[in-house]
Amino acid sequence: STQDVYPLNEYDFFIFSDYPSRRQRKILKLKKGHYLVLFESEIIRPDNWQKGNHQYFKKVFTWHDGLVDQKKYLKYYWPNKISSRINFNLNKKEKLSVLIAGNKKNKDFRELYSERIRAIRWFEANHPQDFDLYGIGWEKRALNWSWPFSIVLNQIELFKTAFFQKFSSYQGPVENKRETLEKYKFCICYENAQNIPGYITEKILDCFFAGCVPVYLGAPNILDFIPQNTFIDKNQFKTYDELYDFMDKMPEQEYLTYLNNISAYLKSEKIRFFSAQKFVKTIVENITDK
């Protein structure tokens, strides 16, 4: 149950999803078992990764391979609902490529938000007929200037229209991610950050479940967990021109080989590491009073 259901002293232990907020930290003073599950990456929640903050917890569950020692820091894989429907329908493919993500910003040198925008702008400028964008926040026009200038200028529609270009590929928020991905052959599938070992979220698996070949950028050790023949590695292409040519000119048989490889992976035992059941088992088996 959540912490508000019973008096705090009646709980045997507490599991925190990411490092607790200031309001929740009073719980850490209780002489109970505390466990921490790290979800958000360093670029979103820096406090998650400060080693001093981990002293309050018996064990820390993390996907970060740089921390895992299988003693205090235990490895988990990003949990997913593993789909039992793996039949891919090529007749649903209406367009070459898609990108589904929220429009966000971050100043960390590892962020990939700006790389997503570079991809979007390139497709819009060069091959708009072969690309669609979905997600939230792309319809907004806002200045990245400090207050009060941003507040004043964002109220001036003429100013915004003159100096801000809309995302012409934007199709709105996605209602059903799987059904949307099924309509495209490829998905520009970038994590929120790169060069963080083990940071493999649901993004690439969502593509697999929909029979959409991902163009992946993110975890440097992705091949430790997902076969190389199931996705396109963006790092293998110096420019988006090269990437587009590779996707656009791919023979049908080669594309089918990607889908067959994806299907084989989804039917293998390896995919179970990313299941919700495996995640729950990892947590439950490692909670102890010792």
Protein backbone atom coordinates (compact mmCIF):
# COMPACT_ATOMS: atom_id res chain seq x y z
CA SER A 1 0.00 0.00 0.00
CA THR A 2 1.01 3.61 -0.31
CA GLN A 3 2.30 5.46 2.73
CA ASP A 4 -1.01 7.22 3.44
CA VAL A 5 -3.07 4.06 4.06
CA TYR A 6 -1.75 3.06 7.50
CA PRO A 7 0.24 4.78 10.24
CA LEU A 8 3.91 4.78 9.27
CA ASN A 9 5.00 2.71 12.28
CA GLU A 10 2.82 -0.20 11.14
CA TYR A 11 4.82 -0.83 7.99
CA ASP A 12 7.56 -3.46 7.93
CA PHE A 13 9.59 -1.76 5.21
CA PHE A 14 9.37 0.96 2.57
CA ILE A 15 10.16 0.82 -1.14
CA PHE A 16 10.89 4.15 -2.79
CA SER A 17 10.46 4.77 -6.49
CA ASP A 18 13.38 7.16 -7.06
CA TYR A 19 14.96 9.14 -4.23
CA PRO A 20 12.25 10.48 -1.91
CA SER A 21 11.07 14.05 -1.98
CA ARG A 22 11.78 16.38 0.91
CA ARG A 23 8.31 15.67 2.33
CA GLN A 24 8.88 11.91 2.25
CA ARG A 25 12.34 11.93 3.80
CA LYS A 26 10.92 11.83 7.32
CA ILE A 27 10.26 8.16 6.61
CA LEU A 28 14.01 7.55 6.32
CA LYS A 29 14.36 8.42 10.01
CA LEU A 30 12.19 5.45 10.97
CA LYS A 31 14.12 2.33 11.95
CA LYS A 32 12.56 0.26 9.22
CA GLY A 33 13.89 -1.47 6.14
CA HIS A 34 14.28 0.97 3.28
CA TYR A 35 14.74 -0.01 -0.37
CA LEU A 36 15.30 2.25 -3.36
CA VAL A 37 14.39 1.61 -7.00
CA LEU A 38 16.16 4.00 -9.36
CA PHE A 39 14.10 4.73 -12.46
CA GLU A 40 14.93 8.19 -13.75
CA SER A 41 18.36 8.75 -15.28
CA GLU A 42 21.04 11.12 -14.06
CA ILE A 43 20.00 13.88 -16.44
CA ILE A 44 16.46 13.96 -15.00
CA ARG A 45 17.10 13.17 -11.32
CA PRO A 46 20.71 13.90 -10.27
CA ASP A 47 19.81 13.19 -6.63
CA ASN A 48 19.05 9.60 -7.59
CA TRP A 49 22.71 8.98 -8.27
CA GLN A 50 24.45 10.73 -5.40
CA LYS A 51 26.09 7.90 -3.48
CA GLY A 52 25.58 9.73 -0.19
CA ASN A 53 21.81 9.45 -0.66
CA HIS A 54 22.06 5.67 -0.84
CA GLN A 55 23.25 5.25 2.73
CA TYR A 56 19.66 5.11 4.02
CA PHE A 57 18.75 2.01 2.01
CA LYS A 58 19.45 -1.66 2.57
CA LYS A 59 19.51 -2.27 -1.15
CA VAL A 60 19.30 -0.20 -4.29
CA PHE A 61 17.73 -1.61 -7.45
CA THR A 62 19.07 -0.09 -10.66
CA TRP A 63 19.41 -0.66 -14.40
CA HIS A 64 22.75 1.22 -14.36
CA ASP A 65 25.45 -1.33 -15.12
CA GLY A 66 28.11 1.00 -13.79
CA LEU A 67 26.67 0.66 -10.26
CA VAL A 68 25.60 -2.98 -10.15
CA ASP A 69 27.60 -5.19 -7.77
CA GLN A 70 24.79 -7.68 -6.95
CA LYS A 71 25.31 -6.96 -3.27
CA LYS A 72 23.89 -3.56 -2.37
CA TYR A 73 23.27 -2.49 -5.96
CA LEU A 74 21.07 -5.03 -7.72
CA LYS A 75 20.40 -5.17 -11.43
CA TYR A 76 16.88 -4.89 -12.81
CA TYR A 77 15.72 -4.53 -16.40
CA TRP A 78 13.21 -1.88 -17.40
CA PRO A 79 9.84 -3.66 -16.92
CA ASN A 80 7.48 -4.17 -19.85
CA LYS A 81 4.27 -6.00 -20.55
CA ILE A 82 5.51 -8.65 -22.93
CA SER A 83 3.10 -8.95 -25.81
CA SER A 84 1.84 -12.36 -26.88
CA ARG A 85 0.76 -11.02 -30.28
CA ILE A 86 3.78 -11.09 -32.56
CA ASN A 87 2.17 -11.37 -35.99
CA PHE A 88 3.46 -8.45 -38.05
CA ASN A 89 1.32 -7.09 -40.88
CA LEU A 90 3.26 -5.44 -43.70
CA ASN A 91 0.03 -4.26 -45.29
CA LYS A 92 -0.32 -1.73 -42.46
CA LYS A 93 2.89 0.09 -43.38
CA GLU A 94 1.73 3.47 -44.69
CA LYS A 95 4.93 5.51 -44.42
CA LEU A 96 8.69 5.10 -44.07
CA SER A 97 9.48 6.55 -40.64
CA VAL A 98 8.11 8.03 -37.43
CA LEU A 99 9.30 9.57 -34.16
CA ILE A 100 7.20 9.40 -30.99
CA ALA A 101 8.43 11.43 -28.00
CA GLY A 102 7.72 14.45 -25.85
CA ASN A 103 9.33 17.79 -26.62
CA LYS A 104 11.79 18.32 -23.76
CA LYS A 105 15.07 20.07 -23.05
CA ASN A 106 18.06 19.40 -20.86
CA LYS A 107 21.54 20.91 -20.53
CA ASP A 108 23.35 17.68 -19.67
CA PHE A 109 26.01 16.83 -22.27
CA ARG A 110 24.55 13.33 -22.66
CA GLU A 111 21.01 14.42 -23.52
CA LEU A 112 19.42 13.26 -26.78
CA TYR A 113 16.46 15.64 -26.87
CA SER A 114 18.35 17.97 -29.19
CA GLU A 115 19.37 15.06 -31.43
CA ARG A 116 15.71 14.17 -31.84
CA ILE A 117 15.04 17.71 -33.00
CA ARG A 118 17.92 17.51 -35.49
CA ALA A 119 16.38 14.35 -36.92
CA ILE A 120 12.93 15.93 -37.11
CA ARG A 121 14.18 19.07 -38.83
CA TRP A 122 16.24 17.06 -41.31
CA PHE A 123 13.29 14.94 -42.39
CA GLU A 124 11.01 17.96 -42.59
CA ALA A 125 13.50 19.78 -44.81
CA ASN A 126 14.51 16.86 -47.03
CA HIS A 127 11.87 14.11 -47.07
CA PRO A 128 8.68 15.37 -45.40
CA GLN A 129 6.57 12.80 -47.25
CA ASP A 130 8.44 9.99 -45.48
CA PHE A 131 8.21 11.13 -41.89
CA ASP A 132 5.67 11.86 -39.14
CA LEU A 133 6.07 13.20 -35.60
CA TYR A 134 3.86 12.35 -32.61
CA GLY A 135 4.00 13.28 -28.93
CA ILE A 136 3.23 16.10 -26.55
CA GLY A 137 4.67 19.59 -26.39
CA TRP A 138 5.59 19.97 -30.07
CA GLU A 139 2.77 22.41 -30.77
CA LYS A 140 4.05 24.89 -28.19
CA ARG A 141 6.09 27.94 -29.09
CA ALA A 142 8.09 29.30 -26.22
CA LEU A 143 11.25 31.29 -25.80
CA ASN A 144 14.14 29.90 -23.85
CA TRP A 145 14.87 33.34 -22.44
CA SER A 146 14.89 34.29 -18.80
CA TRP A 147 11.95 35.94 -17.10
CA PRO A 148 10.42 38.49 -17.66
CA PHE A 149 11.27 38.62 -21.37
CA SER A 150 9.84 35.19 -22.14
CA ILE A 151 6.54 35.97 -20.41
CA VAL A 152 6.08 39.21 -22.32
CA LEU A 153 7.17 37.99 -25.75
CA ASN A 154 5.26 34.73 -25.56
CA GLN A 155 2.08 36.79 -25.39
CA ILE A 156 2.78 38.42 -28.71
CA GLU A 157 1.44 36.10 -31.39
CA LEU A 158 2.93 38.15 -34.21
CA PHE A 159 6.39 37.86 -32.66
CA LYS A 160 6.04 34.10 -32.20
CA THR A 161 4.79 33.61 -35.75
CA ALA A 162 7.67 35.60 -37.19
CA PHE A 163 10.50 33.97 -35.24
CA PHE A 164 9.34 30.43 -34.50
CA GLN A 165 8.86 27.68 -37.03
CA LYS A 166 6.26 25.04 -36.32
CA PHE A 167 7.05 21.36 -36.65
CA SER A 168 5.35 20.66 -39.97
CA SER A 169 5.55 16.89 -39.46
CA TYR A 170 3.63 17.01 -36.18
CA GLN A 171 0.52 14.80 -36.15
CA GLY A 172 -0.56 15.38 -32.54
CA PRO A 173 -0.40 13.24 -29.40
CA VAL A 174 -0.41 9.50 -29.93
CA GLU A 175 -3.58 7.71 -28.85
CA ASN A 176 -2.28 4.14 -29.13
CA LYS A 177 1.48 3.77 -29.48
CA ARG A 178 1.44 0.25 -30.83
CA GLU A 179 -1.23 0.91 -33.43
CA THR A 180 0.64 4.03 -34.54
CA LEU A 181 4.02 2.30 -34.82
CA GLU A 182 2.46 -0.51 -36.86
CA LYS A 183 1.86 1.98 -39.68
CA TYR A 184 5.57 2.70 -40.19
CA LYS A 185 8.55 0.68 -41.36
CA PHE A 186 11.09 2.46 -39.15
CA CYS A 187 11.05 4.46 -35.93
CA ILE A 188 13.63 7.04 -34.87
CA CYS A 189 14.09 5.53 -31.42
CA TYR A 190 16.42 7.56 -29.20
CA GLU A 191 16.70 7.26 -25.44
CA ASN A 192 16.54 10.48 -23.43
CA ALA A 193 20.30 10.22 -22.92
CA GLN A 194 23.26 8.38 -24.38
CA ASN A 195 26.45 6.78 -23.05
CA ILE A 196 24.82 5.57 -19.82
CA PRO A 197 25.42 1.79 -19.55
CA GLY A 198 22.25 -0.23 -19.06
CA TYR A 199 19.89 2.67 -19.77
CA ILE A 200 17.51 0.75 -22.03
CA THR A 201 13.89 1.82 -21.56
CA GLU A 202 10.64 0.67 -23.12
CA LYS A 203 11.22 2.66 -26.32
CA ILE A 204 13.01 0.00 -28.35
CA LEU A 205 10.74 -2.81 -27.13
CA ASP A 206 7.63 -0.82 -28.07
CA CYS A 207 8.98 -0.81 -31.63
CA PHE A 208 9.58 -4.55 -31.54
CA PHE A 209 6.06 -5.34 -30.33
CA ALA A 210 4.61 -3.29 -33.20
CA GLY A 211 6.81 -4.84 -35.90
CA CYS A 212 8.55 -1.53 -36.54
CA VAL A 213 12.34 -1.56 -37.00
CA PRO A 214 13.97 0.90 -34.56
CA VAL A 215 16.79 3.26 -35.42
CA TYR A 216 18.41 3.22 -32.00
CA LEU A 217 20.66 5.63 -30.12
CA GLY A 218 21.31 5.41 -26.41
CA ALA A 219 22.95 2.78 -24.21
CA PRO A 220 26.57 2.05 -25.22
CA ASN A 221 26.18 -1.61 -24.22
CA ILE A 222 22.86 -2.24 -25.96
CA LEU A 223 24.33 -5.36 -27.63
CA ASP A 224 24.77 -6.99 -24.23
CA PHE A 225 21.00 -7.26 -24.00
CA ILE A 226 19.44 -6.94 -27.46
CA PRO A 227 20.67 -8.68 -30.67
CA GLN A 228 22.41 -6.50 -33.22
CA ASN A 229 20.32 -7.90 -36.08
CA THR A 230 17.03 -6.54 -34.66
CA PHE A 231 17.68 -2.80 -34.97
CA ILE A 232 19.59 -0.14 -36.90
CA ASP A 233 22.43 1.49 -34.97
CA LYS A 234 22.33 5.25 -35.61
CA ASN A 235 26.03 5.45 -34.68
CA GLN A 236 26.85 3.58 -37.88
CA PHE A 237 25.76 6.55 -40.01
CA LYS A 238 27.66 9.83 -40.13
CA THR A 239 24.77 11.83 -41.58
CA TYR A 240 21.01 11.63 -41.85
CA ASP A 241 21.43 11.50 -45.63
CA GLU A 242 23.25 8.18 -45.23
CA LEU A 243 20.67 6.89 -42.78
CA TYR A 244 17.77 7.82 -45.04
CA ASP A 245 19.36 6.17 -48.07
CA PHE A 246 19.87 2.99 -46.06
CA MET A 247 16.22 2.87 -44.96
CA ASP A 248 14.68 4.02 -48.22
CA LYS A 249 16.68 1.66 -50.44
CA MET A 250 16.47 -1.38 -48.19
CA PRO A 251 15.28 -4.40 -50.18
CA GLU A 252 12.04 -5.94 -48.98
CA GLN A 253 13.75 -9.23 -48.18
CA GLU A 254 16.29 -7.47 -45.95
CA TYR A 255 13.47 -5.66 -44.15
CA LEU A 256 11.67 -8.96 -43.63
CA THR A 257 14.87 -10.38 -42.18
CA TYR A 258 14.85 -7.63 -39.55
CA LEU A 259 11.25 -8.48 -38.67
CA ASN A 260 12.03 -12.20 -38.50
CA ASN A 261 14.96 -11.48 -36.19
CA ILE A 262 12.74 -9.33 -33.99
CA SER A 263 10.10 -12.05 -33.89
CA ALA A 264 12.70 -14.66 -32.90
CA TYR A 265 13.97 -12.42 -30.11
CA LEU A 266 10.45 -11.79 -28.76
CA LYS A 267 9.84 -15.53 -28.68
CA SER A 268 13.12 -16.30 -26.92
CA GLU A 269 13.79 -16.51 -23.20
CA LYS A 270 16.03 -13.43 -23.40
CA ILE A 271 13.05 -11.09 -23.67
CA ARG A 272 11.86 -12.30 -20.25
CA PHE A 273 14.56 -10.22 -18.58
CA PHE A 274 12.53 -7.15 -19.59
CA SER A 275 9.19 -8.53 -18.36
CA ALA A 276 7.19 -7.02 -15.51
CA GLN A 277 7.20 -10.45 -13.88
CA LYS A 278 10.99 -10.55 -13.83
CA PHE A 279 11.08 -7.06 -12.32
CA VAL A 280 8.69 -8.05 -9.54
CA LYS A 281 10.63 -11.24 -8.85
CA THR A 282 13.90 -9.30 -8.58
CA ILE A 283 12.40 -6.92 -6.02
CA VAL A 284 10.58 -9.56 -3.94
CA GLU A 285 13.46 -12.03 -3.75
CA ASN A 286 15.87 -9.38 -2.53
CA ILE A 287 13.81 -7.83 0.23
CA THR A 288 15.01 -9.23 3.54
CA ASP A 289 15.14 -8.35 7.22
CA LYS A 290 18.71 -9.58 7.51
